[in-house]
Amino acid sequence: MKTRRIVVLRSGAHRNFKTGELEMEPDWNVESLLSREGCDQAKKAVHVWYEVFKQCVIFFTSPLMRAQQTLFTIMRELGYKDRLERCFFIDTDLWTHEPEKYLFFDPDEPIINWINRDMGVAIDIGEDIYNYAIREVILPKIDEGETLLCISHRGPIDLLLAYCRKKLCDAEAYSNIRDLYNCEGFVLEFKDGQLSGIKELRFENQA
């Protein structure tokens, strides 16, 4: 059976939709737009991981504007102009069966600080995201041998990465994870419906 792959990428940097200032903290306003820096980050990601993105034939994105713009910037860089029929939205609430567990909407509580304080709880929520968003919603969209690209945001994908690393590695391998920067991410590989590998996409690892 051929491997199915899901490329999960954090959206590019964005500007506050009211002030126009470059936003450094989590901002869940649907109207916040991708910044020029974010556009450059998306283009850089395609340049650095071209062979990864070129394999993508199905596309998921958060409904937030900056995520959509990140996806369409990547698609333009790849020369894809006729694949919109294979683009889907995955609403933020679909990342878990229990949306009340989300802590991503508290502007005074950066998600990475919370993860560092209680990795056990983070892993639990990461498992919810894996079981629902990945296993039930996204994976069934992919045929054998296909690769899907999903654009999301720092909180959910950091939690997902923490859980997947725990699932495949020993405890020490996931206990100190740096949060993903804009347009960084990872590739999840599945064989026979089971997670079989992870490849992280981090700019610092590139020559």
N, C-alpha and C. Protein backbone atom coordinates (compact mmCIF):
# COMPACT_ATOMS: atom_id res chain seq x y z
N MET A 1 0.84 -1.19 0.00
CA MET A 1 0.00 0.00 0.00
C MET A 1 0.88 1.25 0.00
N LYS A 2 0.55 2.23 -0.85
CA LYS A 2 1.36 3.43 -0.96
C LYS A 2 1.16 4.36 0.22
N THR A 3 2.19 5.15 0.50
CA THR A 3 2.15 6.09 1.62
C THR A 3 1.27 7.30 1.28
N ARG A 4 0.45 7.71 2.23
CA ARG A 4 -0.28 8.97 2.13
C ARG A 4 0.41 9.99 3.03
N ARG A 5 0.46 11.25 2.58
CA ARG A 5 1.18 12.28 3.32
C ARG A 5 0.30 13.51 3.54
N ILE A 6 0.46 14.10 4.73
CA ILE A 6 -0.20 15.37 5.06
C ILE A 6 0.89 16.36 5.44
N VAL A 7 0.99 17.44 4.66
CA VAL A 7 1.93 18.51 4.97
C VAL A 7 1.16 19.58 5.75
N VAL A 8 1.57 19.81 6.99
CA VAL A 8 0.91 20.79 7.85
C VAL A 8 1.83 21.99 7.99
N LEU A 9 1.34 23.18 7.64
CA LEU A 9 2.18 24.37 7.62
C LEU A 9 1.51 25.50 8.39
N ARG A 10 2.31 26.22 9.17
CA ARG A 10 1.80 27.41 9.85
C ARG A 10 1.67 28.55 8.83
N SER A 11 0.63 29.36 8.96
CA SER A 11 0.42 30.47 8.04
C SER A 11 1.53 31.50 8.16
N GLY A 12 1.65 32.35 7.14
CA GLY A 12 2.65 33.40 7.15
C GLY A 12 2.31 34.52 8.13
N ALA A 13 3.28 35.40 8.38
CA ALA A 13 3.08 36.53 9.28
C ALA A 13 1.96 37.43 8.74
N HIS A 14 1.28 38.10 9.66
CA HIS A 14 0.13 38.91 9.28
C HIS A 14 0.14 40.27 9.97
N ARG A 15 -0.71 41.16 9.48
CA ARG A 15 -0.86 42.48 10.07
C ARG A 15 -2.24 42.62 10.71
N ASN A 16 -2.27 43.35 11.81
CA ASN A 16 -3.53 43.59 12.50
C ASN A 16 -4.51 44.29 11.56
N PHE A 17 -5.73 43.76 11.46
CA PHE A 17 -6.66 44.28 10.46
C PHE A 17 -7.13 45.69 10.79
N LYS A 18 -6.96 46.15 12.04
CA LYS A 18 -7.37 47.51 12.41
C LYS A 18 -6.22 48.50 12.29
N THR A 19 -5.05 48.11 12.82
CA THR A 19 -3.94 49.06 12.89
C THR A 19 -2.98 48.95 11.71
N GLY A 20 -2.97 47.79 11.04
CA GLY A 20 -2.02 47.58 9.96
C GLY A 20 -0.62 47.23 10.44
N GLU A 21 -0.46 47.14 11.77
CA GLU A 21 0.85 46.82 12.34
C GLU A 21 1.13 45.32 12.21
N LEU A 22 2.43 44.99 12.05
CA LEU A 22 2.82 43.59 12.02
C LEU A 22 2.48 42.96 13.35
N GLU A 23 1.74 41.86 13.33
CA GLU A 23 1.22 41.24 14.54
C GLU A 23 2.15 40.13 14.99
N MET A 24 2.63 40.22 16.24
CA MET A 24 3.54 39.22 16.77
C MET A 24 2.83 38.21 17.67
N GLU A 25 1.71 38.61 18.26
CA GLU A 25 0.98 37.74 19.16
C GLU A 25 -0.16 37.05 18.43
N PRO A 26 -0.70 35.95 18.98
CA PRO A 26 -1.83 35.28 18.34
C PRO A 26 -2.99 36.23 18.10
N ASP A 27 -3.56 36.18 16.92
CA ASP A 27 -4.66 37.04 16.53
C ASP A 27 -5.63 36.20 15.73
N TRP A 28 -6.83 35.96 16.29
CA TRP A 28 -7.77 35.05 15.65
C TRP A 28 -8.84 35.78 14.87
N ASN A 29 -8.60 37.06 14.55
CA ASN A 29 -9.57 37.78 13.74
C ASN A 29 -9.50 37.29 12.30
N VAL A 30 -10.64 36.92 11.77
CA VAL A 30 -10.69 36.33 10.43
C VAL A 30 -10.22 37.30 9.36
N GLU A 31 -10.26 38.61 9.65
CA GLU A 31 -9.94 39.61 8.63
C GLU A 31 -8.46 40.02 8.62
N SER A 32 -7.66 39.55 9.56
CA SER A 32 -6.24 39.91 9.56
C SER A 32 -5.57 39.34 8.31
N LEU A 33 -4.87 40.20 7.59
CA LEU A 33 -4.34 39.83 6.29
C LEU A 33 -2.88 39.44 6.35
N LEU A 34 -2.48 38.63 5.40
CA LEU A 34 -1.08 38.25 5.25
C LEU A 34 -0.26 39.52 4.97
N SER A 35 0.86 39.65 5.67
CA SER A 35 1.73 40.80 5.46
C SER A 35 2.69 40.54 4.30
N ARG A 36 3.42 41.58 3.90
CA ARG A 36 4.44 41.39 2.88
C ARG A 36 5.48 40.38 3.36
N GLU A 37 5.80 40.47 4.67
CA GLU A 37 6.75 39.51 5.23
C GLU A 37 6.19 38.09 5.14
N GLY A 38 4.89 37.95 5.41
CA GLY A 38 4.26 36.63 5.33
C GLY A 38 4.26 36.08 3.92
N CYS A 39 4.04 36.95 2.95
CA CYS A 39 4.08 36.53 1.54
C CYS A 39 5.48 36.03 1.19
N ASP A 40 6.50 36.77 1.64
CA ASP A 40 7.88 36.35 1.38
C ASP A 40 8.19 35.02 2.06
N GLN A 41 7.64 34.82 3.26
CA GLN A 41 7.86 33.56 3.98
C GLN A 41 7.25 32.39 3.20
N ALA A 42 6.05 32.59 2.66
CA ALA A 42 5.41 31.51 1.90
C ALA A 42 6.21 31.18 0.65
N LYS A 43 6.71 32.21 -0.03
CA LYS A 43 7.52 31.99 -1.23
C LYS A 43 8.83 31.27 -0.86
N LYS A 44 9.42 31.66 0.27
CA LYS A 44 10.66 31.02 0.71
C LYS A 44 10.41 29.54 1.01
N ALA A 45 9.27 29.25 1.64
CA ALA A 45 8.95 27.86 1.96
C ALA A 45 8.88 27.01 0.70
N VAL A 46 8.26 27.56 -0.35
CA VAL A 46 8.18 26.82 -1.62
C VAL A 46 9.57 26.61 -2.19
N HIS A 47 10.41 27.63 -2.12
CA HIS A 47 11.77 27.51 -2.64
C HIS A 47 12.57 26.44 -1.87
N VAL A 48 12.45 26.46 -0.55
CA VAL A 48 13.24 25.55 0.28
C VAL A 48 12.74 24.11 0.18
N TRP A 49 11.40 23.95 0.18
CA TRP A 49 10.82 22.59 0.19
C TRP A 49 10.00 22.35 -1.08
N TYR A 50 10.53 22.76 -2.20
CA TYR A 50 9.80 22.67 -3.47
C TYR A 50 9.32 21.26 -3.76
N GLU A 51 10.19 20.28 -3.58
CA GLU A 51 9.82 18.90 -3.92
C GLU A 51 8.69 18.39 -3.03
N VAL A 52 8.62 18.89 -1.80
CA VAL A 52 7.53 18.50 -0.90
C VAL A 52 6.21 19.09 -1.40
N PHE A 53 6.20 20.40 -1.66
CA PHE A 53 4.96 21.07 -2.06
C PHE A 53 4.49 20.63 -3.45
N LYS A 54 5.42 20.32 -4.32
CA LYS A 54 5.06 19.94 -5.68
C LYS A 54 4.23 18.65 -5.71
N GLN A 55 4.36 17.84 -4.66
CA GLN A 55 3.60 16.59 -4.59
C GLN A 55 2.16 16.80 -4.13
N CYS A 56 1.86 17.99 -3.61
CA CYS A 56 0.53 18.23 -3.02
C CYS A 56 -0.53 18.38 -4.11
N VAL A 57 -1.60 17.62 -3.98
CA VAL A 57 -2.68 17.66 -4.97
C VAL A 57 -4.03 18.02 -4.35
N ILE A 58 -4.10 18.05 -3.02
CA ILE A 58 -5.31 18.44 -2.30
C ILE A 58 -4.90 19.48 -1.27
N PHE A 59 -5.79 20.45 -0.99
CA PHE A 59 -5.40 21.58 -0.16
C PHE A 59 -6.50 21.90 0.86
N PHE A 60 -6.08 22.00 2.11
CA PHE A 60 -6.97 22.42 3.19
C PHE A 60 -6.42 23.71 3.76
N THR A 61 -7.31 24.61 4.19
CA THR A 61 -6.86 25.83 4.85
C THR A 61 -7.84 26.26 5.92
N SER A 62 -7.29 26.86 6.96
CA SER A 62 -8.12 27.56 7.94
C SER A 62 -8.91 28.64 7.21
N PRO A 63 -10.10 29.01 7.71
CA PRO A 63 -10.87 30.07 7.06
C PRO A 63 -10.31 31.47 7.30
N LEU A 64 -9.34 31.63 8.22
CA LEU A 64 -8.77 32.94 8.45
C LEU A 64 -8.08 33.43 7.18
N MET A 65 -8.24 34.72 6.88
CA MET A 65 -7.77 35.26 5.60
C MET A 65 -6.27 35.03 5.40
N ARG A 66 -5.47 35.21 6.44
CA ARG A 66 -4.02 35.06 6.26
C ARG A 66 -3.64 33.64 5.89
N ALA A 67 -4.41 32.66 6.37
CA ALA A 67 -4.15 31.26 6.01
C ALA A 67 -4.51 31.03 4.55
N GLN A 68 -5.68 31.56 4.12
CA GLN A 68 -6.06 31.43 2.72
C GLN A 68 -5.02 32.08 1.80
N GLN A 69 -4.57 33.27 2.19
CA GLN A 69 -3.59 33.98 1.37
C GLN A 69 -2.26 33.25 1.35
N THR A 70 -1.88 32.62 2.46
CA THR A 70 -0.66 31.80 2.47
C THR A 70 -0.79 30.66 1.47
N LEU A 71 -1.93 29.97 1.51
CA LEU A 71 -2.15 28.86 0.59
C LEU A 71 -2.09 29.32 -0.87
N PHE A 72 -2.79 30.40 -1.19
CA PHE A 72 -2.84 30.84 -2.58
C PHE A 72 -1.49 31.38 -3.06
N THR A 73 -0.71 31.95 -2.15
CA THR A 73 0.65 32.36 -2.51
C THR A 73 1.50 31.15 -2.87
N ILE A 74 1.38 30.10 -2.08
CA ILE A 74 2.12 28.86 -2.35
C ILE A 74 1.68 28.25 -3.68
N MET A 75 0.37 28.24 -3.92
CA MET A 75 -0.14 27.66 -5.16
C MET A 75 0.33 28.45 -6.38
N ARG A 76 0.37 29.78 -6.26
CA ARG A 76 0.87 30.59 -7.37
C ARG A 76 2.33 30.32 -7.64
N GLU A 77 3.11 30.18 -6.56
CA GLU A 77 4.54 29.89 -6.72
C GLU A 77 4.76 28.55 -7.41
N LEU A 78 3.86 27.61 -7.16
CA LEU A 78 3.96 26.28 -7.77
C LEU A 78 3.42 26.27 -9.20
N GLY A 79 2.75 27.35 -9.60
CA GLY A 79 2.16 27.40 -10.93
C GLY A 79 0.81 26.73 -11.02
N TYR A 80 0.15 26.52 -9.86
CA TYR A 80 -1.17 25.89 -9.85
C TYR A 80 -2.24 26.96 -10.04
N LYS A 81 -2.97 26.89 -11.14
CA LYS A 81 -4.04 27.84 -11.41
C LYS A 81 -5.39 27.16 -11.60
N ASP A 82 -5.39 25.84 -11.61
CA ASP A 82 -6.61 25.13 -11.96
C ASP A 82 -6.97 24.07 -10.93
N ARG A 83 -6.57 24.28 -9.67
CA ARG A 83 -6.82 23.24 -8.67
C ARG A 83 -7.73 23.73 -7.55
N LEU A 84 -8.45 24.84 -7.76
CA LEU A 84 -9.30 25.36 -6.71
C LEU A 84 -10.40 24.38 -6.33
N GLU A 85 -10.78 23.51 -7.26
CA GLU A 85 -11.83 22.54 -6.94
C GLU A 85 -11.35 21.51 -5.92
N ARG A 86 -10.05 21.47 -5.67
CA ARG A 86 -9.52 20.54 -4.67
C ARG A 86 -9.05 21.27 -3.42
N CYS A 87 -9.58 22.49 -3.22
CA CYS A 87 -9.30 23.27 -2.01
C CYS A 87 -10.50 23.18 -1.07
N PHE A 88 -10.23 22.99 0.22
CA PHE A 88 -11.29 22.86 1.21
C PHE A 88 -10.96 23.73 2.42
N PHE A 89 -12.00 24.22 3.09
CA PHE A 89 -11.82 24.92 4.35
C PHE A 89 -11.95 23.93 5.49
N ILE A 90 -11.09 24.07 6.49
CA ILE A 90 -11.29 23.32 7.73
C ILE A 90 -11.44 24.33 8.84
N ASP A 91 -12.66 24.45 9.35
CA ASP A 91 -12.95 25.45 10.35
C ASP A 91 -12.16 25.18 11.62
N THR A 92 -11.84 26.25 12.34
CA THR A 92 -11.06 26.12 13.56
C THR A 92 -11.72 25.15 14.53
N ASP A 93 -13.06 25.17 14.62
CA ASP A 93 -13.75 24.29 15.55
C ASP A 93 -13.60 22.82 15.19
N LEU A 94 -13.22 22.52 13.95
CA LEU A 94 -13.08 21.12 13.55
C LEU A 94 -11.80 20.47 14.07
N TRP A 95 -10.92 21.26 14.69
CA TRP A 95 -9.66 20.68 15.17
C TRP A 95 -9.87 19.78 16.37
N THR A 96 -11.05 19.79 16.96
CA THR A 96 -11.29 18.93 18.11
C THR A 96 -12.78 18.70 18.29
N HIS A 97 -13.13 17.57 18.88
CA HIS A 97 -14.52 17.31 19.22
C HIS A 97 -14.98 18.22 20.35
N GLU A 98 -14.04 18.77 21.12
CA GLU A 98 -14.38 19.53 22.31
C GLU A 98 -13.79 20.93 22.20
N PRO A 99 -14.44 21.84 21.45
CA PRO A 99 -13.88 23.18 21.25
C PRO A 99 -13.62 23.93 22.55
N GLU A 100 -14.36 23.58 23.63
CA GLU A 100 -14.15 24.30 24.88
C GLU A 100 -12.75 24.04 25.46
N LYS A 101 -12.06 23.02 24.95
CA LYS A 101 -10.70 22.78 25.42
C LYS A 101 -9.70 23.78 24.83
N TYR A 102 -10.12 24.49 23.78
CA TYR A 102 -9.19 25.43 23.14
C TYR A 102 -8.75 26.51 24.12
N LEU A 103 -7.48 26.79 24.13
CA LEU A 103 -6.97 27.94 24.87
C LEU A 103 -6.38 28.95 23.91
N PHE A 104 -6.63 28.79 22.63
CA PHE A 104 -5.94 29.60 21.63
C PHE A 104 -6.53 31.01 21.53
N PHE A 105 -7.67 31.26 22.18
CA PHE A 105 -8.34 32.54 21.99
C PHE A 105 -8.07 33.51 23.14
N ASP A 106 -7.18 33.18 24.06
CA ASP A 106 -6.84 34.05 25.17
C ASP A 106 -5.59 34.84 24.82
N PRO A 107 -5.71 36.14 24.51
CA PRO A 107 -4.55 36.91 24.06
C PRO A 107 -3.49 37.08 25.13
N ASP A 108 -3.85 36.84 26.40
CA ASP A 108 -2.88 36.99 27.49
C ASP A 108 -2.17 35.67 27.81
N GLU A 109 -2.42 34.65 27.04
CA GLU A 109 -1.85 33.33 27.33
C GLU A 109 -1.24 32.74 26.08
N PRO A 110 -0.02 33.17 25.70
CA PRO A 110 0.63 32.58 24.51
C PRO A 110 0.70 31.07 24.64
N ILE A 111 0.33 30.38 23.57
CA ILE A 111 0.15 28.94 23.64
C ILE A 111 1.43 28.20 24.00
N ILE A 112 2.59 28.69 23.53
CA ILE A 112 3.82 27.94 23.79
C ILE A 112 4.18 27.98 25.27
N ASN A 113 3.86 29.10 25.96
CA ASN A 113 4.13 29.16 27.40
C ASN A 113 3.27 28.16 28.14
N TRP A 114 2.01 28.05 27.71
CA TRP A 114 1.11 27.09 28.34
C TRP A 114 1.56 25.66 28.10
N ILE A 115 2.02 25.37 26.89
CA ILE A 115 2.53 24.03 26.59
C ILE A 115 3.69 23.69 27.50
N ASN A 116 4.61 24.62 27.67
CA ASN A 116 5.79 24.35 28.49
C ASN A 116 5.41 24.10 29.94
N ARG A 117 4.33 24.72 30.40
CA ARG A 117 3.94 24.53 31.80
C ARG A 117 3.31 23.17 32.03
N ASP A 118 2.56 22.68 31.07
CA ASP A 118 1.84 21.43 31.28
C ASP A 118 1.80 20.62 29.99
N MET A 119 2.92 19.98 29.67
CA MET A 119 3.01 19.22 28.43
C MET A 119 2.00 18.09 28.40
N GLY A 120 1.67 17.53 29.57
CA GLY A 120 0.71 16.43 29.60
C GLY A 120 -0.64 16.84 29.04
N VAL A 121 -1.13 18.00 29.45
CA VAL A 121 -2.42 18.49 28.95
C VAL A 121 -2.30 18.81 27.46
N ALA A 122 -1.17 19.38 27.06
CA ALA A 122 -0.97 19.69 25.64
C ALA A 122 -1.05 18.43 24.80
N ILE A 123 -0.45 17.35 25.28
CA ILE A 123 -0.48 16.08 24.55
C ILE A 123 -1.91 15.58 24.43
N ASP A 124 -2.71 15.73 25.47
CA ASP A 124 -4.10 15.29 25.43
C ASP A 124 -4.87 16.02 24.34
N ILE A 125 -4.69 17.34 24.25
CA ILE A 125 -5.41 18.11 23.23
C ILE A 125 -4.84 17.78 21.85
N GLY A 126 -3.52 17.59 21.77
CA GLY A 126 -2.92 17.17 20.51
C GLY A 126 -3.49 15.86 20.02
N GLU A 127 -3.79 14.96 20.95
CA GLU A 127 -4.40 13.68 20.57
C GLU A 127 -5.81 13.89 20.04
N ASP A 128 -6.57 14.81 20.65
CA ASP A 128 -7.91 15.13 20.13
C ASP A 128 -7.82 15.64 18.70
N ILE A 129 -6.86 16.55 18.45
CA ILE A 129 -6.69 17.11 17.12
C ILE A 129 -6.33 16.01 16.13
N TYR A 130 -5.41 15.13 16.53
CA TYR A 130 -4.99 14.03 15.66
C TYR A 130 -6.15 13.11 15.32
N ASN A 131 -6.90 12.71 16.35
CA ASN A 131 -7.97 11.73 16.13
C ASN A 131 -9.12 12.30 15.31
N TYR A 132 -9.41 13.57 15.49
CA TYR A 132 -10.56 14.13 14.78
C TYR A 132 -10.15 14.82 13.49
N ALA A 133 -9.36 15.89 13.58
CA ALA A 133 -9.03 16.67 12.38
C ALA A 133 -8.25 15.83 11.37
N ILE A 134 -7.27 15.07 11.86
CA ILE A 134 -6.42 14.31 10.94
C ILE A 134 -7.08 12.99 10.52
N ARG A 135 -7.43 12.16 11.48
CA ARG A 135 -7.91 10.81 11.17
C ARG A 135 -9.32 10.82 10.57
N GLU A 136 -10.22 11.67 11.08
CA GLU A 136 -11.62 11.61 10.64
C GLU A 136 -11.94 12.57 9.50
N VAL A 137 -11.31 13.74 9.49
CA VAL A 137 -11.69 14.76 8.50
C VAL A 137 -10.75 14.78 7.31
N ILE A 138 -9.43 14.84 7.56
CA ILE A 138 -8.48 15.08 6.48
C ILE A 138 -8.02 13.80 5.79
N LEU A 139 -7.59 12.81 6.56
CA LEU A 139 -7.01 11.60 5.96
C LEU A 139 -7.94 10.92 4.96
N PRO A 140 -9.26 10.83 5.23
CA PRO A 140 -10.14 10.18 4.25
C PRO A 140 -10.20 10.88 2.89
N LYS A 141 -9.76 12.13 2.82
CA LYS A 141 -9.76 12.86 1.55
C LYS A 141 -8.63 12.42 0.62
N ILE A 142 -7.66 11.69 1.17
CA ILE A 142 -6.44 11.40 0.41
C ILE A 142 -6.45 9.97 -0.09
N ASP A 143 -6.22 9.80 -1.38
CA ASP A 143 -6.06 8.46 -1.93
C ASP A 143 -4.64 7.98 -1.70
N GLU A 144 -4.42 6.69 -1.88
CA GLU A 144 -3.09 6.12 -1.71
C GLU A 144 -2.09 6.83 -2.62
N GLY A 145 -0.95 7.16 -2.06
CA GLY A 145 0.11 7.80 -2.82
C GLY A 145 -0.03 9.30 -2.96
N GLU A 146 -1.13 9.89 -2.46
CA GLU A 146 -1.34 11.32 -2.59
C GLU A 146 -0.79 12.09 -1.39
N THR A 147 -0.56 13.39 -1.62
CA THR A 147 -0.09 14.29 -0.57
C THR A 147 -1.04 15.47 -0.47
N LEU A 148 -1.40 15.84 0.76
CA LEU A 148 -2.32 16.94 1.03
C LEU A 148 -1.58 18.03 1.80
N LEU A 149 -1.86 19.29 1.47
CA LEU A 149 -1.29 20.42 2.19
C LEU A 149 -2.37 21.08 3.02
N CYS A 150 -2.09 21.30 4.31
CA CYS A 150 -3.02 21.95 5.23
C CYS A 150 -2.35 23.17 5.86
N ILE A 151 -2.96 24.35 5.69
CA ILE A 151 -2.45 25.58 6.30
C ILE A 151 -3.25 25.86 7.56
N SER A 152 -2.56 25.97 8.69
CA SER A 152 -3.24 26.22 9.95
C SER A 152 -2.45 27.26 10.75
N HIS A 153 -2.52 27.17 12.07
CA HIS A 153 -1.97 28.21 12.93
C HIS A 153 -1.16 27.60 14.07
N ARG A 154 -0.41 28.45 14.74
CA ARG A 154 0.61 27.99 15.67
C ARG A 154 0.07 27.08 16.76
N GLY A 155 -1.00 27.50 17.44
CA GLY A 155 -1.49 26.71 18.56
C GLY A 155 -1.85 25.28 18.18
N PRO A 156 -2.80 25.09 17.27
CA PRO A 156 -3.21 23.73 16.92
C PRO A 156 -2.07 22.87 16.38
N ILE A 157 -1.21 23.43 15.53
CA ILE A 157 -0.20 22.55 14.93
C ILE A 157 0.95 22.26 15.89
N ASP A 158 1.24 23.17 16.84
CA ASP A 158 2.23 22.84 17.86
C ASP A 158 1.74 21.69 18.72
N LEU A 159 0.46 21.72 19.08
CA LEU A 159 -0.12 20.64 19.88
C LEU A 159 -0.13 19.33 19.10
N LEU A 160 -0.48 19.41 17.83
CA LEU A 160 -0.50 18.21 16.99
C LEU A 160 0.90 17.62 16.85
N LEU A 161 1.90 18.47 16.63
CA LEU A 161 3.28 17.99 16.50
C LEU A 161 3.75 17.33 17.78
N ALA A 162 3.43 17.95 18.93
CA ALA A 162 3.84 17.37 20.21
C ALA A 162 3.28 15.96 20.38
N TYR A 163 1.98 15.80 20.05
CA TYR A 163 1.37 14.48 20.19
C TYR A 163 1.99 13.46 19.23
N CYS A 164 2.16 13.86 17.96
CA CYS A 164 2.68 12.92 16.97
C CYS A 164 4.12 12.50 17.30
N ARG A 165 4.92 13.43 17.80
CA ARG A 165 6.28 13.05 18.19
C ARG A 165 6.25 12.08 19.36
N LYS A 166 5.35 12.31 20.31
CA LYS A 166 5.22 11.37 21.43
C LYS A 166 4.79 10.00 20.94
N LYS A 167 3.88 10.00 19.96
CA LYS A 167 3.35 8.74 19.45
C LYS A 167 4.43 7.89 18.79
N LEU A 168 5.40 8.55 18.15
CA LEU A 168 6.42 7.82 17.41
C LEU A 168 7.76 7.74 18.12
N CYS A 169 7.99 8.63 19.11
CA CYS A 169 9.31 8.72 19.74
C CYS A 169 9.21 8.47 21.24
N ASP A 170 10.35 8.44 21.89
CA ASP A 170 10.33 8.30 23.34
C ASP A 170 10.05 9.66 23.98
N ALA A 171 9.87 9.67 25.30
CA ALA A 171 9.45 10.89 25.99
C ALA A 171 10.41 12.05 25.81
N GLU A 172 11.70 11.77 25.80
CA GLU A 172 12.68 12.85 25.71
C GLU A 172 12.64 13.53 24.35
N ALA A 173 12.15 12.84 23.35
CA ALA A 173 12.19 13.38 21.99
C ALA A 173 11.21 14.52 21.79
N TYR A 174 10.18 14.61 22.62
CA TYR A 174 9.19 15.65 22.40
C TYR A 174 9.07 16.63 23.57
N SER A 175 9.88 16.47 24.59
CA SER A 175 9.71 17.27 25.80
C SER A 175 10.15 18.72 25.62
N ASN A 176 11.03 19.00 24.66
CA ASN A 176 11.49 20.37 24.45
C ASN A 176 11.35 20.74 22.98
N ILE A 177 10.14 21.10 22.60
CA ILE A 177 9.87 21.42 21.20
C ILE A 177 9.80 22.93 21.03
N ARG A 178 10.60 23.48 20.13
CA ARG A 178 10.46 24.89 19.80
C ARG A 178 9.21 25.07 18.96
N ASP A 179 8.42 26.10 19.27
CA ASP A 179 7.21 26.31 18.47
C ASP A 179 7.60 26.66 17.04
N LEU A 180 6.73 26.33 16.14
CA LEU A 180 6.99 26.53 14.72
C LEU A 180 6.89 28.01 14.36
N TYR A 181 7.84 28.50 13.59
CA TYR A 181 7.78 29.85 13.09
C TYR A 181 6.85 29.90 11.89
N ASN A 182 6.55 31.12 11.43
CA ASN A 182 5.67 31.28 10.27
C ASN A 182 6.18 30.52 9.06
N CYS A 183 5.28 29.80 8.42
CA CYS A 183 5.56 29.00 7.22
C CYS A 183 6.54 27.86 7.47
N GLU A 184 6.68 27.44 8.70
CA GLU A 184 7.33 26.17 9.01
C GLU A 184 6.24 25.14 9.29
N GLY A 185 6.62 23.88 9.31
CA GLY A 185 5.62 22.85 9.55
C GLY A 185 6.24 21.47 9.62
N PHE A 186 5.47 20.48 9.17
CA PHE A 186 5.94 19.10 9.22
C PHE A 186 5.12 18.26 8.26
N VAL A 187 5.66 17.11 7.93
CA VAL A 187 4.99 16.15 7.05
C VAL A 187 4.66 14.91 7.87
N LEU A 188 3.40 14.52 7.87
CA LEU A 188 2.97 13.27 8.50
C LEU A 188 2.80 12.21 7.43
N GLU A 189 3.41 11.05 7.64
CA GLU A 189 3.29 9.94 6.69
C GLU A 189 2.43 8.83 7.29
N PHE A 190 1.56 8.28 6.45
CA PHE A 190 0.65 7.23 6.90
C PHE A 190 0.77 6.01 5.99
N LYS A 191 0.89 4.84 6.60
CA LYS A 191 0.85 3.57 5.89
C LYS A 191 -0.20 2.69 6.53
N ASP A 192 -1.04 2.09 5.70
CA ASP A 192 -2.15 1.27 6.21
C ASP A 192 -3.00 2.03 7.22
N GLY A 193 -3.14 3.34 7.02
CA GLY A 193 -3.98 4.15 7.89
C GLY A 193 -3.35 4.54 9.21
N GLN A 194 -2.08 4.15 9.42
CA GLN A 194 -1.41 4.43 10.69
C GLN A 194 -0.25 5.40 10.48
N LEU A 195 -0.05 6.28 11.45
CA LEU A 195 1.07 7.22 11.38
C LEU A 195 2.38 6.44 11.39
N SER A 196 3.21 6.67 10.38
CA SER A 196 4.45 5.90 10.26
C SER A 196 5.70 6.77 10.26
N GLY A 197 5.56 8.10 10.12
CA GLY A 197 6.74 8.93 10.09
C GLY A 197 6.41 10.40 10.17
N ILE A 198 7.38 11.19 10.63
CA ILE A 198 7.26 12.65 10.70
C ILE A 198 8.55 13.25 10.16
N LYS A 199 8.41 14.24 9.30
CA LYS A 199 9.56 15.02 8.85
C LYS A 199 9.25 16.49 9.14
N GLU A 200 10.08 17.13 9.97
CA GLU A 200 9.84 18.52 10.31
C GLU A 200 10.44 19.45 9.25
N LEU A 201 9.73 20.52 8.97
CA LEU A 201 10.14 21.51 7.98
C LEU A 201 10.48 22.80 8.73
N ARG A 202 11.75 22.98 9.04
CA ARG A 202 12.21 24.15 9.79
C ARG A 202 13.32 24.82 9.01
N PHE A 203 13.22 26.13 8.87
CA PHE A 203 14.21 26.87 8.10
C PHE A 203 15.61 26.74 8.68
N GLU A 204 15.72 26.61 9.99
CA GLU A 204 17.05 26.53 10.63
C GLU A 204 17.79 25.26 10.25
N ASN A 205 17.07 24.26 9.76
CA ASN A 205 17.71 23.00 9.38
C ASN A 205 18.23 23.01 7.96
N GLN A 206 18.03 24.13 7.25
CA GLN A 206 18.45 24.19 5.86
C GLN A 206 19.83 24.83 5.74
N ALA A 207 20.62 24.33 4.79
CA ALA A 207 21.96 24.86 4.60
C ALA A 207 21.90 26.27 4.06
